[in-house]
Amino acid sequence: MAGIGKLVKLLGKGISYLPKKAHALQKPFVAPAGGKLSIGKKLANAALKTTNVASAVGIFGGCGLVAYELYKAQNAQTHSEAEDHILKCSKYVDATAGGLVGLLLGGPIGALALGAAAYFSQKDIALGKLPACEHNGKSISVNELRQQKAAEAKQAQESQEPEQKEEKPEVDEDKKAVEEFCKGLENLEVGQTITVPEIKAESGAITMQAGDQKVELNPGDKITRTEEGFEITKAAAQEDDKKEEVKQQEDEKPVEETPQQEQQQQPPAATNLFGGEINGITKKDVKIEKGDCLWNIAKRELQAVNPGKTITNAQILKQVKEFGRLNPNIKDLDLIYPEDNLKLTA
C-alpha cells in the first residue's frame, strides 16, 4: 500500500507541475529594492493585467449569458425560438466551463484560450448529451438538436436558391441553316428557286452581292437562278407579286384595239437606262406604303410595264440607283418612310 501511495503522490506532482509552471510564468514582475523595472517587464505586467481582466470578464460574462439565455428559452413564444436559446445557452456553458478549467490549468491566458476553443467547437461539450427538448414529437439531446437545426437551415437555403438548369451545349442552328442555304445556292440550277431560312438577329443578316452593292436578304425571300444570274423576290412583295400576276393575266386577254390605241398604250422604251431590252417606268411618282423598300418598288413598277418578261437583279439595281438620282432628298437608299412620295421618272 505504501508503494501505491508514493506512486499517487508522484502522479499528483507531475500533473500539477504544468499548471504551477504556467501560473509562475504569469506572475507580474516585481522591482528589486531601490530599483526599477525595465520597459519590457513593465509592458509584460500591463499585458498580464489586461489578460487577468479579460479572463475575469469572460468567465463572469459567460455566467450572465447562460442565465439570460435560460430566461429567454423559458419565455419564448414559439418552440423554435426556445430551441435556438437552448443551443446558445449550451455554447455559453461550454465557454464558461472552458474558461474556468483553463484558469486552473494555465492561468488567465489558459482561460481565454480554452474558453474560446470550447465556444467555437462544432459540438456541445458540457451539455451535448443531455436531453434538450422534444423536436418533432421526439426527445433529442443538445447535439442532435444542433445537427437537426443545421440540416433544416441548409434545406431552407437550398429551397430559396433558384434552380440552376443544367447547361447543355446548344447547337448553332442558325449557322447550320446559313451553311445549308449557301451550299444550296451554289448548286442552284437555272429555273430553280431557294428560300432564305429563318435566322435570329444576333446571328447576323444574310447578304448577297448584286453588282457593286450588297442586298440584304430577309427570311422568306425567294432566290431564282436565271441565265443572267439570280432573281430575288422579297417576302414582303410576294403577296403583291401574286396580285400583280392576276392583274397581268387579265391584261393579257385579247382586246380588240385599233392600231392607233395600241400605239398610244405602248410604254416608251428606256433605251437610256436598260439599252432598250425592257420598257422603262411610265409613272411619275408613287406613294410609299408600309413594308415597301426601293428594291420592291423598282421590281414592281418594272414588272408592271413589262408583263411576261423576267426582270433581272441588275436591272432592278440600276432602277434603284435611278431612284436615288431622282430623289436627292433620300440620304440612305435603305431607309424610306411610309406616306412619302417617291419620284419615279424625270
Protein backbone atom coordinates (compact mmCIF):
# COMPACT_ATOMS: atom_id res chain seq x y z
CA MET A 1 0.00 0.00 0.00
CA ALA A 2 2.93 2.32 0.76
CA GLY A 3 4.22 1.90 -2.79
CA ILE A 4 0.82 2.80 -4.26
CA GLY A 5 0.66 5.91 -2.08
CA LYS A 6 4.07 7.10 -3.28
CA LEU A 7 3.03 6.47 -6.88
CA VAL A 8 -0.13 8.57 -6.45
CA LYS A 9 1.93 11.41 -4.93
CA LEU A 10 4.37 11.32 -7.85
CA LEU A 11 1.49 11.40 -10.34
CA GLY A 12 -0.08 14.30 -8.49
CA LYS A 13 3.18 16.25 -8.55
CA GLY A 14 3.60 15.53 -12.26
CA ILE A 15 0.07 16.61 -13.11
CA SER A 16 0.33 19.79 -11.02
CA TYR A 17 3.73 20.72 -12.43
CA LEU A 18 2.49 22.27 -15.64
CA PRO A 19 -0.26 24.39 -14.03
CA LYS A 20 2.18 25.61 -11.37
CA LYS A 21 4.72 26.42 -14.04
CA ALA A 22 2.10 28.26 -16.11
CA HIS A 23 0.96 30.29 -13.09
CA ALA A 24 4.55 31.05 -12.17
CA LEU A 25 5.25 32.38 -15.65
CA GLN A 26 2.23 34.68 -15.43
CA LYS A 27 3.18 36.31 -12.14
CA PRO A 28 3.90 40.01 -12.50
CA PHE A 29 7.44 41.16 -12.28
CA VAL A 30 8.40 42.91 -9.02
CA ALA A 31 11.06 45.60 -8.95
CA PRO A 32 14.01 44.90 -6.62
CA ALA A 33 14.51 47.09 -3.58
CA GLY A 34 15.58 50.52 -4.68
CA GLY A 35 15.48 49.51 -8.35
CA LYS A 36 13.17 49.95 -11.32
CA LEU A 37 11.63 47.59 -13.81
CA SER A 38 12.74 47.68 -17.42
CA ILE A 39 10.38 48.80 -20.15
CA GLY A 40 9.94 45.21 -21.35
CA LYS A 41 8.92 44.00 -17.89
CA LYS A 42 6.53 46.93 -17.50
CA LEU A 43 4.87 46.05 -20.80
CA ALA A 44 4.68 42.41 -19.73
CA ASN A 45 2.99 43.40 -16.47
CA ALA A 46 0.47 45.54 -18.38
CA ALA A 47 -0.30 42.62 -20.70
CA LEU A 48 -0.77 40.28 -17.73
CA LYS A 49 -3.16 42.71 -16.05
CA THR A 50 -5.15 43.02 -19.29
CA THR A 51 -5.30 39.24 -19.60
CA ASN A 52 -6.47 38.90 -15.98
CA VAL A 53 -9.25 41.43 -16.53
CA ALA A 54 -10.29 39.83 -19.85
CA SER A 55 -10.43 36.32 -18.39
CA ALA A 56 -12.45 37.54 -15.39
CA VAL A 57 -14.88 39.44 -17.61
CA GLY A 58 -15.17 36.40 -19.89
CA ILE A 59 -15.98 33.97 -17.08
CA PHE A 60 -18.44 36.23 -15.26
CA GLY A 61 -19.95 37.40 -18.54
CA GLY A 62 -20.40 33.79 -19.62
CA CYS A 63 -22.30 33.05 -16.42
CA GLY A 64 -24.55 36.04 -17.08
CA LEU A 65 -25.22 34.99 -20.68
CA VAL A 66 -26.11 31.46 -19.56
CA ALA A 67 -28.71 32.88 -17.17
CA TYR A 68 -30.04 35.26 -19.85
CA GLU A 69 -30.48 32.51 -22.48
CA LEU A 70 -32.24 30.25 -19.98
CA TYR A 71 -34.64 33.08 -19.20
CA LYS A 72 -35.30 33.71 -22.92
CA ALA A 73 -35.85 29.99 -23.54
CA GLN A 74 -38.45 29.78 -20.78
CA ASN A 75 -40.32 32.84 -22.08
CA ALA A 76 -40.04 32.14 -25.80
CA GLN A 77 -43.29 32.46 -27.74
CA THR A 78 -42.56 29.62 -30.15
CA HIS A 79 -40.94 26.23 -29.80
CA SER A 80 -38.36 27.08 -32.44
CA GLU A 81 -37.22 30.22 -30.56
CA ALA A 82 -36.86 28.20 -27.35
CA GLU A 83 -34.66 25.69 -29.18
CA ASP A 84 -32.43 28.48 -30.50
CA HIS A 85 -31.95 29.90 -26.99
CA ILE A 86 -31.14 26.43 -25.61
CA LEU A 87 -28.40 25.99 -28.21
CA LYS A 88 -26.93 29.42 -27.41
CA CYS A 89 -27.04 28.64 -23.70
CA SER A 90 -25.14 25.39 -24.32
CA LYS A 91 -22.32 27.20 -26.13
CA TYR A 92 -22.05 29.80 -23.33
CA VAL A 93 -21.84 26.98 -20.79
CA ASP A 94 -19.01 25.44 -22.83
CA ALA A 95 -17.16 28.77 -22.99
CA THR A 96 -17.58 29.45 -19.25
CA ALA A 97 -16.56 25.93 -18.23
CA GLY A 98 -13.61 26.02 -20.60
CA GLY A 99 -12.52 29.37 -19.15
CA LEU A 100 -12.65 28.03 -15.57
CA VAL A 101 -10.67 24.90 -16.45
CA GLY A 102 -8.18 26.97 -18.41
CA LEU A 103 -7.79 29.37 -15.47
CA LEU A 104 -6.95 26.48 -13.11
CA LEU A 105 -4.54 24.81 -15.51
CA GLY A 106 -2.91 27.73 -17.30
CA GLY A 107 -3.88 30.96 -15.62
CA PRO A 108 -5.59 33.87 -17.39
CA ILE A 109 -4.06 33.04 -20.76
CA GLY A 110 -5.24 29.45 -20.45
CA ALA A 111 -8.73 30.68 -19.51
CA LEU A 112 -9.01 32.79 -22.66
CA ALA A 113 -7.57 30.10 -24.93
CA LEU A 114 -9.60 27.17 -23.60
CA GLY A 115 -12.80 29.21 -23.32
CA ALA A 116 -12.56 30.33 -26.97
CA ALA A 117 -11.75 26.78 -28.12
CA ALA A 118 -14.78 25.38 -26.27
CA TYR A 119 -17.10 28.08 -27.68
CA PHE A 120 -16.08 27.64 -31.32
CA SER A 121 -16.04 23.84 -31.25
CA GLN A 122 -18.50 22.06 -33.52
CA LYS A 123 -20.13 20.07 -30.72
CA ASP A 124 -21.71 20.93 -27.39
CA ILE A 125 -19.17 19.64 -24.87
CA ALA A 126 -20.75 20.27 -21.48
CA LEU A 127 -24.46 19.71 -22.23
CA GLY A 128 -24.23 17.83 -25.55
CA LYS A 129 -25.65 14.52 -24.31
CA LEU A 130 -28.32 15.97 -22.05
CA PRO A 131 -31.91 15.91 -23.34
CA ALA A 132 -32.69 19.34 -24.71
CA CYS A 133 -36.34 19.22 -25.69
CA GLU A 134 -38.88 17.48 -27.88
CA HIS A 135 -38.32 18.18 -31.56
CA ASN A 136 -40.99 16.98 -33.99
CA GLY A 137 -42.50 14.80 -31.26
CA LYS A 138 -39.17 13.15 -30.32
CA SER A 139 -36.94 13.77 -27.30
CA ILE A 140 -33.45 14.66 -28.52
CA SER A 141 -30.16 15.75 -26.98
CA VAL A 142 -28.50 19.12 -27.45
CA ASN A 143 -26.05 17.71 -30.01
CA GLU A 144 -28.87 16.13 -32.00
CA LEU A 145 -30.88 19.35 -31.83
CA ARG A 146 -27.92 21.35 -33.24
CA GLN A 147 -27.48 18.86 -36.08
CA GLN A 148 -31.20 18.96 -36.84
CA LYS A 149 -31.21 22.77 -36.90
CA ALA A 150 -28.20 22.87 -39.23
CA ALA A 151 -29.89 20.42 -41.61
CA GLU A 152 -33.11 22.48 -41.62
CA ALA A 153 -31.19 25.71 -42.30
CA LYS A 154 -29.32 24.11 -45.20
CA GLN A 155 -32.55 22.75 -46.66
CA ALA A 156 -34.25 26.16 -46.39
CA GLN A 157 -31.29 27.84 -48.11
CA GLU A 158 -31.34 25.32 -50.94
CA SER A 159 -35.08 25.82 -51.44
CA GLN A 160 -34.62 29.61 -51.73
CA GLU A 161 -31.83 29.39 -54.27
CA PRO A 162 -33.06 29.40 -57.90
CA GLU A 163 -32.76 26.07 -59.58
CA GLN A 164 -29.76 26.03 -61.84
CA LYS A 165 -30.64 24.37 -65.08
CA GLU A 166 -28.08 22.03 -66.46
CA GLU A 167 -26.31 23.83 -69.22
CA LYS A 168 -26.26 21.81 -72.37
CA PRO A 169 -24.19 22.80 -75.34
CA GLU A 170 -26.61 24.29 -77.82
CA VAL A 171 -26.09 23.60 -81.48
CA ASP A 172 -25.87 26.77 -83.52
CA GLU A 173 -28.92 26.07 -85.68
CA ASP A 174 -28.61 29.45 -87.39
CA LYS A 175 -25.06 28.75 -88.53
CA LYS A 176 -26.09 25.34 -89.79
CA ALA A 177 -29.08 26.81 -91.67
CA VAL A 178 -26.91 29.51 -93.29
CA GLU A 179 -24.31 26.95 -94.38
CA GLU A 180 -27.01 24.74 -95.95
CA PHE A 181 -28.51 27.79 -97.67
CA CYS A 182 -25.16 28.87 -99.14
CA LYS A 183 -24.45 25.33 -100.29
CA GLY A 184 -27.88 25.08 -101.92
CA LEU A 185 -27.35 28.47 -103.58
CA GLU A 186 -24.08 27.28 -105.15
CA ASN A 187 -25.74 24.16 -106.55
CA LEU A 188 -28.85 26.00 -107.78
CA GLU A 189 -29.60 25.33 -111.45
CA VAL A 190 -31.32 27.64 -113.92
CA GLY A 191 -35.05 27.84 -113.17
CA GLN A 192 -34.73 26.50 -109.61
CA THR A 193 -35.71 28.54 -106.54
CA ILE A 194 -34.41 28.55 -102.97
CA THR A 195 -35.93 30.26 -99.90
CA VAL A 196 -33.90 32.26 -97.35
CA PRO A 197 -34.06 30.46 -93.96
CA GLU A 198 -35.31 31.93 -90.68
CA ILE A 199 -32.40 33.18 -88.54
CA LYS A 200 -32.07 35.11 -85.28
CA ALA A 201 -31.00 38.75 -85.24
CA GLU A 202 -27.88 38.09 -83.16
CA SER A 203 -26.61 35.60 -85.74
CA GLY A 204 -26.25 38.34 -88.34
CA ALA A 205 -28.16 39.00 -91.55
CA ILE A 206 -27.55 37.17 -94.81
CA THR A 207 -26.32 39.45 -97.56
CA MET A 208 -25.83 38.79 -101.25
CA GLN A 209 -23.64 40.69 -103.68
CA ALA A 210 -25.65 42.25 -106.51
CA GLY A 211 -23.49 44.27 -108.85
CA ASP A 212 -21.49 46.75 -106.79
CA GLN A 213 -23.97 46.68 -103.87
CA LYS A 214 -24.84 44.19 -101.18
CA VAL A 215 -28.51 43.16 -100.96
CA GLU A 216 -29.74 42.15 -97.51
CA LEU A 217 -31.87 39.02 -97.58
CA ASN A 218 -34.73 38.52 -95.15
CA PRO A 219 -36.28 35.22 -94.05
CA GLY A 220 -38.81 34.05 -96.62
CA ASP A 221 -37.17 35.81 -99.59
CA LYS A 222 -37.00 33.61 -102.69
CA ILE A 223 -33.96 33.45 -104.98
CA THR A 224 -34.35 32.06 -108.50
CA ARG A 225 -31.41 31.16 -110.74
CA THR A 226 -31.64 32.69 -114.21
CA GLU A 227 -29.34 32.56 -117.19
CA GLU A 228 -28.13 36.06 -116.38
CA GLY A 229 -27.66 35.49 -112.64
CA PHE A 230 -30.11 35.48 -109.75
CA GLU A 231 -33.57 36.96 -109.32
CA ILE A 232 -34.61 37.92 -105.76
CA THR A 233 -38.26 38.03 -104.74
CA LYS A 234 -38.64 39.77 -101.39
CA ALA A 235 -41.02 38.16 -98.92
CA ALA A 236 -42.87 41.43 -98.33
CA ALA A 237 -43.51 41.75 -102.06
CA GLN A 238 -44.52 38.13 -102.75
CA GLU A 239 -48.17 38.84 -101.97
CA ASP A 240 -48.04 41.89 -104.21
CA ASP A 241 -46.48 39.77 -106.94
CA LYS A 242 -49.38 37.32 -106.77
CA LYS A 243 -51.86 40.15 -107.15
CA GLU A 244 -49.75 41.55 -109.97
CA GLU A 245 -49.76 38.18 -111.75
CA VAL A 246 -53.55 38.02 -111.58
CA LYS A 247 -53.71 41.53 -112.94
CA GLN A 248 -51.27 40.64 -115.70
CA GLN A 249 -53.35 37.63 -116.71
CA GLU A 250 -56.39 39.85 -117.01
CA ASP A 251 -54.39 42.40 -119.00
CA GLU A 252 -53.12 39.71 -121.37
CA LYS A 253 -56.65 38.78 -122.50
CA PRO A 254 -57.16 39.66 -126.16
CA VAL A 255 -58.86 43.01 -126.63
CA GLU A 256 -59.80 44.46 -129.97
CA GLU A 257 -57.84 47.63 -130.29
CA THR A 258 -57.16 49.92 -133.18
CA PRO A 259 -53.52 50.37 -134.25
CA GLN A 260 -53.73 53.93 -133.01
CA GLN A 261 -54.83 52.84 -129.49
CA GLU A 262 -52.16 50.14 -129.39
CA GLN A 263 -49.52 52.71 -130.28
CA GLN A 264 -50.76 55.07 -127.55
CA GLN A 265 -50.73 52.34 -124.87
CA GLN A 266 -47.24 51.09 -125.70
CA PRO A 267 -44.90 52.46 -122.99
CA PRO A 268 -41.77 54.19 -124.23
CA ALA A 269 -38.58 52.12 -124.30
CA ALA A 270 -35.99 53.12 -121.70
CA THR A 271 -33.02 52.85 -124.03
CA ASN A 272 -31.03 55.30 -121.95
CA LEU A 273 -31.31 53.04 -118.83
CA PHE A 274 -31.51 49.41 -119.98
CA GLY A 275 -30.27 49.54 -123.58
CA GLY A 276 -33.75 49.04 -125.00
CA GLU A 277 -34.11 45.48 -123.63
CA ILE A 278 -37.11 46.30 -121.43
CA ASN A 279 -39.58 49.13 -121.14
CA GLY A 280 -38.97 51.94 -118.64
CA ILE A 281 -41.33 53.05 -115.88
CA THR A 282 -44.06 55.45 -117.02
CA LYS A 283 -45.40 56.60 -113.65
CA LYS A 284 -44.29 59.98 -112.43
CA ASP A 285 -44.33 59.17 -108.71
CA VAL A 286 -45.71 56.70 -106.18
CA LYS A 287 -46.77 56.88 -102.53
CA ILE A 288 -44.57 54.75 -100.26
CA GLU A 289 -46.56 52.19 -98.27
CA LYS A 290 -45.68 50.36 -95.06
CA GLY A 291 -43.30 47.47 -95.77
CA ASP A 292 -42.01 48.98 -99.03
CA CYS A 293 -38.34 49.29 -99.95
CA LEU A 294 -36.74 50.75 -103.10
CA TRP A 295 -35.91 47.27 -104.38
CA ASN A 296 -39.56 46.13 -104.14
CA ILE A 297 -40.86 49.33 -105.73
CA ALA A 298 -38.37 49.10 -108.60
CA LYS A 299 -39.23 45.49 -109.33
CA ARG A 300 -42.99 46.07 -109.03
CA GLU A 301 -43.02 49.07 -111.35
CA LEU A 302 -40.70 47.48 -113.94
CA GLN A 303 -42.77 44.31 -113.97
CA ALA A 304 -45.94 46.35 -114.42
CA VAL A 305 -44.67 47.82 -117.72
CA ASN A 306 -43.00 44.58 -118.83
CA PRO A 307 -45.64 41.86 -118.42
CA GLY A 308 -44.37 38.36 -119.12
CA LYS A 309 -40.70 39.40 -119.06
CA THR A 310 -38.10 38.40 -116.48
CA ILE A 311 -36.67 41.37 -114.60
CA THR A 312 -33.07 40.68 -113.57
CA ASN A 313 -31.37 41.85 -110.39
CA ALA A 314 -29.01 44.03 -112.39
CA GLN A 315 -31.98 45.85 -113.97
CA ILE A 316 -33.64 46.32 -110.56
CA LEU A 317 -30.38 47.60 -109.08
CA LYS A 318 -29.98 50.18 -111.87
CA GLN A 319 -33.53 51.35 -111.30
CA VAL A 320 -32.86 51.72 -107.55
CA LYS A 321 -29.83 53.89 -108.36
CA GLU A 322 -32.03 55.92 -110.72
CA PHE A 323 -34.49 56.45 -107.84
CA GLY A 324 -31.61 57.74 -105.74
CA ARG A 325 -30.64 60.22 -108.51
CA LEU A 326 -34.24 61.41 -108.96
CA ASN A 327 -34.82 61.76 -105.20
CA PRO A 328 -31.79 63.58 -103.75
CA ASN A 329 -33.71 64.07 -100.51
CA ILE A 330 -33.23 60.36 -99.72
CA LYS A 331 -29.90 60.23 -97.92
CA ASP A 332 -29.96 56.46 -97.30
CA LEU A 333 -31.43 54.24 -100.02
CA ASP A 334 -32.17 51.56 -97.43
CA LEU A 335 -34.23 53.97 -95.29
CA ILE A 336 -37.54 55.28 -96.63
CA TYR A 337 -40.71 56.25 -94.78
CA PRO A 338 -44.39 55.40 -95.41
CA GLU A 339 -46.70 58.12 -96.77
CA ASP A 340 -43.75 59.88 -98.51
CA ASN A 341 -43.90 60.44 -102.28
CA LEU A 342 -41.18 58.79 -104.40
CA LYS A 343 -40.35 60.32 -107.76
CA LEU A 344 -40.11 57.55 -110.37
CA THR A 345 -39.33 59.42 -113.59
CA ALA A 346 -37.83 62.75 -114.52
